[in-house]
Amino acid sequence: MMLKTHKLFLIWQSDKEAQYLTDMLHQGYKLRKARFITQTFEKTQSTDGTIQLDYQTDSDLTDYLAIAKAAGWELLTTYPALQGKWLYLYHPDVQAQLYTDQQSRIDLFTRIRNHWTAFGVLMILLLIGPSFMNQMTLSRSIAPMILIIAYLYNFVNLTYRIHILKNTTKDL
């Protein structure tokens, strides 16, 4: 039996998404597919373990997956994003972590922010270019403005997460 849920997790909320997916796993629903706001689960027996998310560029993916598999991680599904993929990985040990120190988490969010920034700058240039703006009417300008606001919201939150992690690292 398959179950579909609809939950929005923004680009900087990977920990929250991983916790939700782990909770579903413990209730007997194993993730099979993740797309934007839709998660598809297969009904199984309640399973211990943890689900963690990671983001890797396409060029690093093969080597990374081999290392993850050797460490006991099972790839459940992927979701393409920003010249890379979100990886949804399962490990039977509840205590297992992909990122065991603050610096590696900082590196992850910095890598995501860098890809997000390149995408955002290109999007903004295309949306506010002179020829585009000359053709805009009020009804046509709402969607691009929503995209720009969403981009800025995610960028600010990624930057904030990095800032918090860096300050936590200094306190250790």
N, C-alpha and C. Protein backbone atom coordinates (compact mmCIF):
# COMPACT_ATOMS: atom_id res chain seq x y z
N MET A 1 0.84 -1.18 0.00
CA MET A 1 0.00 0.00 0.00
C MET A 1 0.89 1.24 0.00
N MET A 2 0.52 2.20 -0.82
CA MET A 2 1.28 3.44 -0.92
C MET A 2 0.51 4.57 -0.23
N LEU A 3 1.26 5.49 0.34
CA LEU A 3 0.70 6.66 1.01
C LEU A 3 1.40 7.89 0.47
N LYS A 4 0.63 8.90 0.09
CA LYS A 4 1.21 10.18 -0.35
C LYS A 4 0.88 11.23 0.68
N THR A 5 1.89 12.00 1.05
CA THR A 5 1.68 13.14 1.93
C THR A 5 2.16 14.39 1.19
N HIS A 6 1.67 15.53 1.64
CA HIS A 6 2.04 16.80 1.02
C HIS A 6 2.53 17.74 2.12
N LYS A 7 3.83 17.93 2.16
CA LYS A 7 4.44 18.83 3.14
C LYS A 7 5.52 19.63 2.43
N LEU A 8 5.55 20.91 2.71
CA LEU A 8 6.55 21.78 2.13
C LEU A 8 7.72 21.91 3.08
N PHE A 9 8.90 21.54 2.60
CA PHE A 9 10.14 21.76 3.34
C PHE A 9 11.02 22.62 2.44
N LEU A 10 11.42 23.77 2.94
CA LEU A 10 12.25 24.67 2.15
C LEU A 10 13.69 24.18 2.14
N ILE A 11 14.47 24.76 1.28
CA ILE A 11 15.83 24.29 1.01
C ILE A 11 16.71 24.25 2.26
N TRP A 12 16.45 25.10 3.21
CA TRP A 12 17.26 25.17 4.43
C TRP A 12 16.67 24.34 5.58
N GLN A 13 15.60 23.59 5.33
CA GLN A 13 14.93 22.81 6.37
C GLN A 13 15.19 21.31 6.24
N SER A 14 16.36 20.93 5.78
CA SER A 14 16.65 19.51 5.56
C SER A 14 16.61 18.70 6.85
N ASP A 15 17.00 19.28 7.98
CA ASP A 15 16.94 18.55 9.25
C ASP A 15 15.49 18.24 9.63
N LYS A 16 14.63 19.21 9.45
CA LYS A 16 13.21 19.03 9.76
C LYS A 16 12.59 17.97 8.85
N GLU A 17 12.95 18.01 7.58
CA GLU A 17 12.43 17.02 6.63
C GLU A 17 12.94 15.63 6.98
N ALA A 18 14.22 15.51 7.33
CA ALA A 18 14.78 14.21 7.71
C ALA A 18 14.09 13.65 8.95
N GLN A 19 13.78 14.51 9.91
CA GLN A 19 13.09 14.05 11.11
C GLN A 19 11.69 13.55 10.78
N TYR A 20 10.99 14.26 9.92
CA TYR A 20 9.65 13.84 9.49
C TYR A 20 9.71 12.47 8.81
N LEU A 21 10.67 12.30 7.90
CA LEU A 21 10.79 11.03 7.17
C LEU A 21 11.19 9.89 8.10
N THR A 22 12.04 10.17 9.08
CA THR A 22 12.42 9.16 10.07
C THR A 22 11.22 8.77 10.92
N ASP A 23 10.44 9.75 11.34
CA ASP A 23 9.23 9.46 12.12
C ASP A 23 8.27 8.58 11.32
N MET A 24 8.11 8.87 10.03
CA MET A 24 7.25 8.05 9.18
C MET A 24 7.80 6.63 9.07
N LEU A 25 9.10 6.49 8.97
CA LEU A 25 9.75 5.17 8.91
C LEU A 25 9.44 4.37 10.17
N HIS A 26 9.54 5.02 11.31
CA HIS A 26 9.27 4.35 12.58
C HIS A 26 7.80 3.95 12.71
N GLN A 27 6.93 4.63 11.96
CA GLN A 27 5.50 4.27 11.95
C GLN A 27 5.18 3.21 10.90
N GLY A 28 6.20 2.79 10.14
CA GLY A 28 5.99 1.75 9.15
C GLY A 28 5.77 2.25 7.73
N TYR A 29 6.26 3.45 7.42
CA TYR A 29 6.14 3.99 6.07
C TYR A 29 7.52 4.36 5.56
N LYS A 30 8.01 3.62 4.57
CA LYS A 30 9.34 3.85 4.02
C LYS A 30 9.25 4.74 2.78
N LEU A 31 10.06 5.78 2.75
CA LEU A 31 10.05 6.73 1.64
C LEU A 31 10.44 6.03 0.34
N ARG A 32 9.67 6.28 -0.70
CA ARG A 32 9.98 5.75 -2.03
C ARG A 32 10.25 6.85 -3.04
N LYS A 33 9.63 8.03 -2.84
CA LYS A 33 9.80 9.12 -3.80
C LYS A 33 9.55 10.44 -3.10
N ALA A 34 10.34 11.44 -3.44
CA ALA A 34 10.16 12.79 -2.90
C ALA A 34 10.19 13.76 -4.08
N ARG A 35 9.16 14.57 -4.18
CA ARG A 35 9.07 15.58 -5.22
C ARG A 35 8.45 16.83 -4.64
N PHE A 36 9.17 17.92 -4.65
CA PHE A 36 8.75 19.24 -4.18
C PHE A 36 7.96 19.14 -2.88
N ILE A 37 6.63 19.10 -2.92
CA ILE A 37 5.86 19.03 -1.68
C ILE A 37 5.21 17.66 -1.47
N THR A 38 5.50 16.70 -2.33
CA THR A 38 4.85 15.39 -2.23
C THR A 38 5.87 14.32 -1.86
N GLN A 39 5.52 13.55 -0.84
CA GLN A 39 6.34 12.42 -0.42
C GLN A 39 5.49 11.16 -0.61
N THR A 40 6.07 10.15 -1.24
CA THR A 40 5.37 8.88 -1.46
C THR A 40 6.04 7.81 -0.60
N PHE A 41 5.23 7.12 0.19
CA PHE A 41 5.72 6.10 1.11
C PHE A 41 5.11 4.75 0.76
N GLU A 42 5.87 3.70 1.06
CA GLU A 42 5.37 2.34 0.95
C GLU A 42 5.14 1.82 2.36
N LYS A 43 3.99 1.20 2.58
CA LYS A 43 3.68 0.63 3.89
C LYS A 43 4.57 -0.58 4.12
N THR A 44 5.30 -0.57 5.23
CA THR A 44 6.17 -1.68 5.62
C THR A 44 5.97 -1.91 7.11
N GLN A 45 6.77 -2.77 7.66
CA GLN A 45 6.75 -2.91 9.11
C GLN A 45 7.50 -1.73 9.71
N SER A 46 7.15 -1.39 10.93
CA SER A 46 7.86 -0.33 11.63
C SER A 46 9.35 -0.68 11.65
N THR A 47 10.17 0.27 11.29
CA THR A 47 11.60 0.02 11.13
C THR A 47 12.40 1.02 11.95
N ASP A 48 13.40 0.52 12.66
CA ASP A 48 14.33 1.41 13.34
C ASP A 48 15.27 2.00 12.29
N GLY A 49 16.02 2.97 12.70
CA GLY A 49 16.99 3.57 11.80
C GLY A 49 16.74 5.07 11.68
N THR A 50 17.45 5.65 10.76
CA THR A 50 17.34 7.09 10.53
C THR A 50 17.39 7.38 9.04
N ILE A 51 16.74 8.45 8.66
CA ILE A 51 16.84 8.96 7.30
C ILE A 51 17.52 10.31 7.38
N GLN A 52 18.50 10.50 6.55
CA GLN A 52 19.24 11.76 6.49
C GLN A 52 19.23 12.25 5.04
N LEU A 53 19.31 13.55 4.88
CA LEU A 53 19.36 14.15 3.56
C LEU A 53 20.74 14.72 3.32
N ASP A 54 21.13 14.68 2.07
CA ASP A 54 22.39 15.29 1.67
C ASP A 54 22.20 15.87 0.28
N TYR A 55 23.03 16.85 -0.06
CA TYR A 55 23.01 17.45 -1.38
C TYR A 55 24.38 17.25 -2.00
N GLN A 56 24.41 16.70 -3.20
CA GLN A 56 25.67 16.49 -3.91
C GLN A 56 25.51 16.95 -5.35
N THR A 57 26.58 17.48 -5.91
CA THR A 57 26.56 17.85 -7.32
C THR A 57 26.60 16.57 -8.15
N ASP A 58 26.13 16.66 -9.37
CA ASP A 58 26.10 15.49 -10.24
C ASP A 58 27.50 14.91 -10.46
N SER A 59 28.51 15.77 -10.54
CA SER A 59 29.87 15.28 -10.81
C SER A 59 30.44 14.47 -9.65
N ASP A 60 29.99 14.71 -8.43
CA ASP A 60 30.51 14.00 -7.26
C ASP A 60 29.67 12.79 -6.86
N LEU A 61 28.55 12.58 -7.52
CA LEU A 61 27.54 11.64 -7.05
C LEU A 61 28.01 10.18 -6.99
N THR A 62 28.64 9.67 -8.03
CA THR A 62 29.02 8.26 -8.08
C THR A 62 29.97 7.90 -6.95
N ASP A 63 31.02 8.69 -6.78
CA ASP A 63 31.99 8.42 -5.71
C ASP A 63 31.34 8.55 -4.33
N TYR A 64 30.52 9.56 -4.18
CA TYR A 64 29.87 9.78 -2.89
C TYR A 64 28.97 8.60 -2.51
N LEU A 65 28.18 8.12 -3.46
CA LEU A 65 27.27 7.01 -3.17
C LEU A 65 28.03 5.73 -2.82
N ALA A 66 29.18 5.51 -3.44
CA ALA A 66 30.00 4.34 -3.11
C ALA A 66 30.51 4.44 -1.68
N ILE A 67 30.94 5.61 -1.27
CA ILE A 67 31.42 5.82 0.10
C ILE A 67 30.27 5.66 1.09
N ALA A 68 29.11 6.22 0.76
CA ALA A 68 27.95 6.12 1.65
C ALA A 68 27.52 4.66 1.81
N LYS A 69 27.50 3.92 0.72
CA LYS A 69 27.11 2.50 0.79
C LYS A 69 28.09 1.72 1.65
N ALA A 70 29.37 1.99 1.51
CA ALA A 70 30.38 1.30 2.32
C ALA A 70 30.21 1.61 3.80
N ALA A 71 29.63 2.77 4.11
CA ALA A 71 29.41 3.17 5.51
C ALA A 71 28.06 2.69 6.03
N GLY A 72 27.32 1.93 5.21
CA GLY A 72 26.06 1.36 5.68
C GLY A 72 24.81 2.11 5.29
N TRP A 73 24.95 3.14 4.46
CA TRP A 73 23.79 3.94 4.05
C TRP A 73 23.16 3.34 2.80
N GLU A 74 21.83 3.38 2.75
CA GLU A 74 21.07 2.90 1.59
C GLU A 74 20.37 4.10 0.95
N LEU A 75 20.56 4.26 -0.35
CA LEU A 75 19.90 5.34 -1.07
C LEU A 75 18.44 4.98 -1.29
N LEU A 76 17.53 5.80 -0.77
CA LEU A 76 16.10 5.56 -0.94
C LEU A 76 15.57 6.20 -2.22
N THR A 77 15.94 7.45 -2.44
CA THR A 77 15.49 8.16 -3.63
C THR A 77 16.34 9.42 -3.78
N THR A 78 16.20 10.08 -4.91
CA THR A 78 16.89 11.35 -5.15
C THR A 78 15.87 12.36 -5.67
N TYR A 79 16.26 13.62 -5.56
CA TYR A 79 15.42 14.70 -6.08
C TYR A 79 16.35 15.72 -6.73
N PRO A 80 16.26 15.90 -8.07
CA PRO A 80 17.17 16.82 -8.74
C PRO A 80 16.93 18.28 -8.34
N ALA A 81 18.04 18.99 -8.12
CA ALA A 81 17.94 20.40 -7.74
C ALA A 81 19.27 21.11 -7.99
N LEU A 82 19.23 22.22 -8.68
CA LEU A 82 20.38 23.11 -8.81
C LEU A 82 21.67 22.40 -9.21
N GLN A 83 21.70 21.75 -10.34
CA GLN A 83 22.88 21.06 -10.88
C GLN A 83 23.40 19.96 -9.95
N GLY A 84 22.51 19.39 -9.20
CA GLY A 84 22.87 18.31 -8.29
C GLY A 84 21.62 17.55 -7.90
N LYS A 85 21.73 16.84 -6.79
CA LYS A 85 20.59 16.06 -6.32
C LYS A 85 20.53 16.07 -4.80
N TRP A 86 19.31 16.14 -4.29
CA TRP A 86 19.07 15.84 -2.89
C TRP A 86 19.04 14.33 -2.78
N LEU A 87 19.78 13.79 -1.85
CA LEU A 87 19.84 12.35 -1.62
C LEU A 87 19.10 12.04 -0.33
N TYR A 88 18.25 11.05 -0.39
CA TYR A 88 17.51 10.59 0.79
C TYR A 88 18.10 9.24 1.17
N LEU A 89 18.83 9.21 2.27
CA LEU A 89 19.60 8.04 2.65
C LEU A 89 19.09 7.45 3.96
N TYR A 90 19.06 6.11 4.01
CA TYR A 90 18.61 5.39 5.21
C TYR A 90 19.78 4.62 5.81
N HIS A 91 19.85 4.62 7.13
CA HIS A 91 20.83 3.81 7.87
C HIS A 91 20.09 3.10 8.99
N PRO A 92 20.36 1.79 9.19
CA PRO A 92 19.63 1.04 10.22
C PRO A 92 19.96 1.47 11.66
N ASP A 93 21.06 2.16 11.85
CA ASP A 93 21.45 2.64 13.18
C ASP A 93 20.79 4.01 13.43
N VAL A 94 19.95 4.09 14.45
CA VAL A 94 19.24 5.33 14.76
C VAL A 94 20.21 6.48 15.04
N GLN A 95 21.39 6.17 15.55
CA GLN A 95 22.37 7.19 15.91
C GLN A 95 23.26 7.63 14.74
N ALA A 96 23.15 6.97 13.60
CA ALA A 96 24.02 7.29 12.46
C ALA A 96 23.77 8.72 11.98
N GLN A 97 24.85 9.37 11.57
CA GLN A 97 24.76 10.74 11.05
C GLN A 97 25.67 10.88 9.85
N LEU A 98 25.19 11.57 8.85
CA LEU A 98 26.04 11.88 7.70
C LEU A 98 27.03 12.98 8.06
N TYR A 99 26.56 13.95 8.81
CA TYR A 99 27.40 15.08 9.20
C TYR A 99 27.61 15.02 10.70
N THR A 100 28.81 14.68 11.10
CA THR A 100 29.08 14.44 12.52
C THR A 100 29.72 15.64 13.21
N ASP A 101 30.06 16.67 12.45
CA ASP A 101 30.66 17.85 13.07
C ASP A 101 30.07 19.11 12.44
N GLN A 102 30.21 20.21 13.15
CA GLN A 102 29.63 21.48 12.70
C GLN A 102 30.22 21.95 11.38
N GLN A 103 31.52 21.78 11.20
CA GLN A 103 32.16 22.30 9.98
C GLN A 103 31.61 21.61 8.73
N SER A 104 31.35 20.31 8.81
CA SER A 104 30.80 19.62 7.63
C SER A 104 29.38 20.11 7.33
N ARG A 105 28.62 20.45 8.37
CA ARG A 105 27.27 21.00 8.16
C ARG A 105 27.37 22.41 7.56
N ILE A 106 28.33 23.19 8.03
CA ILE A 106 28.56 24.52 7.46
C ILE A 106 28.90 24.39 5.98
N ASP A 107 29.78 23.43 5.66
CA ASP A 107 30.17 23.21 4.26
C ASP A 107 28.97 22.82 3.40
N LEU A 108 28.09 21.97 3.94
CA LEU A 108 26.88 21.57 3.20
C LEU A 108 26.02 22.79 2.88
N PHE A 109 25.69 23.58 3.90
CA PHE A 109 24.81 24.72 3.67
C PHE A 109 25.48 25.79 2.81
N THR A 110 26.80 25.93 2.91
CA THR A 110 27.52 26.87 2.05
C THR A 110 27.46 26.40 0.60
N ARG A 111 27.65 25.10 0.38
CA ARG A 111 27.58 24.54 -0.97
C ARG A 111 26.18 24.76 -1.57
N ILE A 112 25.15 24.52 -0.77
CA ILE A 112 23.78 24.73 -1.25
C ILE A 112 23.55 26.21 -1.55
N ARG A 113 24.01 27.07 -0.64
CA ARG A 113 23.81 28.51 -0.84
C ARG A 113 24.53 28.99 -2.10
N ASN A 114 25.73 28.48 -2.36
CA ASN A 114 26.47 28.89 -3.56
C ASN A 114 25.71 28.50 -4.83
N HIS A 115 25.17 27.29 -4.86
CA HIS A 115 24.38 26.87 -6.02
C HIS A 115 23.10 27.69 -6.10
N TRP A 116 22.48 27.94 -4.97
CA TRP A 116 21.24 28.72 -4.91
C TRP A 116 21.50 30.15 -5.37
N THR A 117 22.65 30.72 -5.01
CA THR A 117 23.00 32.08 -5.39
C THR A 117 23.17 32.20 -6.90
N ALA A 118 23.89 31.26 -7.50
CA ALA A 118 24.07 31.29 -8.95
C ALA A 118 22.72 31.22 -9.66
N PHE A 119 21.85 30.35 -9.19
CA PHE A 119 20.50 30.22 -9.76
C PHE A 119 19.73 31.52 -9.56
N GLY A 120 19.79 32.08 -8.37
CA GLY A 120 19.04 33.29 -8.04
C GLY A 120 19.48 34.50 -8.84
N VAL A 121 20.77 34.67 -8.98
CA VAL A 121 21.29 35.81 -9.74
C VAL A 121 20.83 35.72 -11.20
N LEU A 122 20.94 34.54 -11.77
CA LEU A 122 20.49 34.35 -13.15
C LEU A 122 18.99 34.63 -13.26
N MET A 123 18.21 34.12 -12.33
CA MET A 123 16.76 34.32 -12.35
C MET A 123 16.42 35.81 -12.24
N ILE A 124 17.07 36.51 -11.33
CA ILE A 124 16.78 37.93 -11.14
C ILE A 124 17.17 38.73 -12.38
N LEU A 125 18.34 38.43 -12.97
CA LEU A 125 18.75 39.13 -14.18
C LEU A 125 17.75 38.93 -15.32
N LEU A 126 17.27 37.70 -15.46
CA LEU A 126 16.29 37.44 -16.50
C LEU A 126 14.96 38.13 -16.22
N LEU A 127 14.59 38.18 -14.96
CA LEU A 127 13.28 38.75 -14.62
C LEU A 127 13.26 40.27 -14.61
N ILE A 128 14.40 40.89 -14.32
CA ILE A 128 14.38 42.35 -14.25
C ILE A 128 15.13 43.00 -15.40
N GLY A 129 15.48 42.21 -16.40
CA GLY A 129 16.15 42.76 -17.58
C GLY A 129 15.28 43.80 -18.25
N PRO A 130 15.89 44.76 -18.95
CA PRO A 130 15.14 45.87 -19.55
C PRO A 130 14.05 45.42 -20.53
N SER A 131 14.35 44.48 -21.40
CA SER A 131 13.33 44.07 -22.37
C SER A 131 12.17 43.36 -21.68
N PHE A 132 12.46 42.64 -20.62
CA PHE A 132 11.40 41.94 -19.88
C PHE A 132 10.52 42.95 -19.15
N MET A 133 11.14 43.92 -18.51
CA MET A 133 10.39 44.90 -17.73
C MET A 133 9.50 45.77 -18.62
N ASN A 134 9.95 46.06 -19.83
CA ASN A 134 9.13 46.86 -20.75
C ASN A 134 7.84 46.15 -21.13
N GLN A 135 7.84 44.83 -21.12
CA GLN A 135 6.67 44.07 -21.52
C GLN A 135 5.78 43.69 -20.34
N MET A 136 6.16 44.05 -19.16
CA MET A 136 5.44 43.62 -17.96
C MET A 136 4.19 44.46 -17.73
N THR A 137 3.14 43.77 -17.35
CA THR A 137 1.95 44.42 -16.85
C THR A 137 1.82 43.98 -15.40
N LEU A 138 0.91 44.56 -14.67
CA LEU A 138 0.74 44.21 -13.26
C LEU A 138 0.45 42.72 -13.10
N SER A 139 -0.43 42.18 -13.93
CA SER A 139 -0.80 40.77 -13.79
C SER A 139 0.37 39.85 -14.13
N ARG A 140 1.25 40.26 -15.03
CA ARG A 140 2.41 39.44 -15.39
C ARG A 140 3.55 39.59 -14.40
N SER A 141 3.56 40.64 -13.62
CA SER A 141 4.70 40.88 -12.72
C SER A 141 4.56 40.18 -11.38
N ILE A 142 3.40 39.66 -11.05
CA ILE A 142 3.20 39.04 -9.73
C ILE A 142 4.01 37.75 -9.60
N ALA A 143 3.94 36.86 -10.58
CA ALA A 143 4.66 35.58 -10.50
C ALA A 143 6.17 35.79 -10.38
N PRO A 144 6.79 36.63 -11.22
CA PRO A 144 8.23 36.85 -11.05
C PRO A 144 8.59 37.45 -9.69
N MET A 145 7.75 38.34 -9.19
CA MET A 145 8.03 38.93 -7.88
C MET A 145 7.95 37.87 -6.78
N ILE A 146 7.00 36.95 -6.89
CA ILE A 146 6.90 35.86 -5.91
C ILE A 146 8.15 35.00 -5.96
N LEU A 147 8.65 34.71 -7.17
CA LEU A 147 9.88 33.93 -7.30
C LEU A 147 11.07 34.64 -6.67
N ILE A 148 11.18 35.93 -6.89
CA ILE A 148 12.29 36.70 -6.31
C ILE A 148 12.19 36.71 -4.78
N ILE A 149 11.00 36.91 -4.26
CA ILE A 149 10.81 36.91 -2.80
C ILE A 149 11.14 35.53 -2.22
N ALA A 150 10.69 34.47 -2.89
CA ALA A 150 10.99 33.10 -2.42
C ALA A 150 12.50 32.85 -2.44
N TYR A 151 13.16 33.29 -3.51
CA TYR A 151 14.61 33.14 -3.59
C TYR A 151 15.29 33.86 -2.43
N LEU A 152 14.93 35.12 -2.22
CA LEU A 152 15.55 35.91 -1.16
C LEU A 152 15.28 35.31 0.22
N TYR A 153 14.08 34.82 0.45
CA TYR A 153 13.72 34.19 1.72
C TYR A 153 14.61 32.97 1.98
N ASN A 154 14.77 32.12 0.98
CA ASN A 154 15.62 30.95 1.13
C ASN A 154 17.08 31.34 1.32
N PHE A 155 17.55 32.32 0.56
CA PHE A 155 18.94 32.77 0.68
C PHE A 155 19.23 33.29 2.08
N VAL A 156 18.34 34.13 2.59
CA VAL A 156 18.52 34.69 3.94
C VAL A 156 18.53 33.58 4.98
N ASN A 157 17.63 32.62 4.87
CA ASN A 157 17.58 31.54 5.85
C ASN A 157 18.78 30.61 5.76
N LEU A 158 19.28 30.34 4.56
CA LEU A 158 20.51 29.56 4.43
C LEU A 158 21.68 30.29 5.09
N THR A 159 21.78 31.58 4.83
CA THR A 159 22.84 32.39 5.42
C THR A 159 22.73 32.40 6.94
N TYR A 160 21.52 32.51 7.45
CA TYR A 160 21.30 32.50 8.90
C TYR A 160 21.71 31.15 9.50
N ARG A 161 21.35 30.05 8.85
CA ARG A 161 21.75 28.72 9.34
C ARG A 161 23.27 28.60 9.41
N ILE A 162 23.95 29.08 8.38
CA ILE A 162 25.42 29.04 8.36
C ILE A 162 25.97 29.88 9.50
N HIS A 163 25.41 31.06 9.70
CA HIS A 163 25.85 31.96 10.78
C HIS A 163 25.69 31.28 12.15
N ILE A 164 24.54 30.67 12.39
CA ILE A 164 24.28 29.99 13.67
C ILE A 164 25.28 28.85 13.86
N LEU A 165 25.50 28.05 12.82
CA LEU A 165 26.45 26.93 12.93
C LEU A 165 27.87 27.43 13.21
N LYS A 166 28.26 28.52 12.56
CA LYS A 166 29.61 29.06 12.80
C LYS A 166 29.75 29.56 14.23
N ASN A 167 28.72 30.23 14.74
CA ASN A 167 28.79 30.72 16.12
C ASN A 167 28.78 29.57 17.12
N THR A 168 28.05 28.51 16.82
CA THR A 168 28.05 27.33 17.68
C THR A 168 29.43 26.68 17.69
N THR A 169 30.08 26.65 16.53
CA THR A 169 31.42 26.08 16.43
C THR A 169 32.42 26.87 17.27
N LYS A 170 32.30 28.19 17.27
CA LYS A 170 33.21 29.04 18.05
C LYS A 170 33.06 28.80 19.55
N ASP A 171 31.83 28.47 19.97
CA ASP A 171 31.58 28.25 21.40
C ASP A 171 32.12 26.92 21.90
N LEU A 172 32.41 25.98 21.00
CA LEU A 172 32.87 24.65 21.42
C LEU A 172 34.29 24.63 21.91
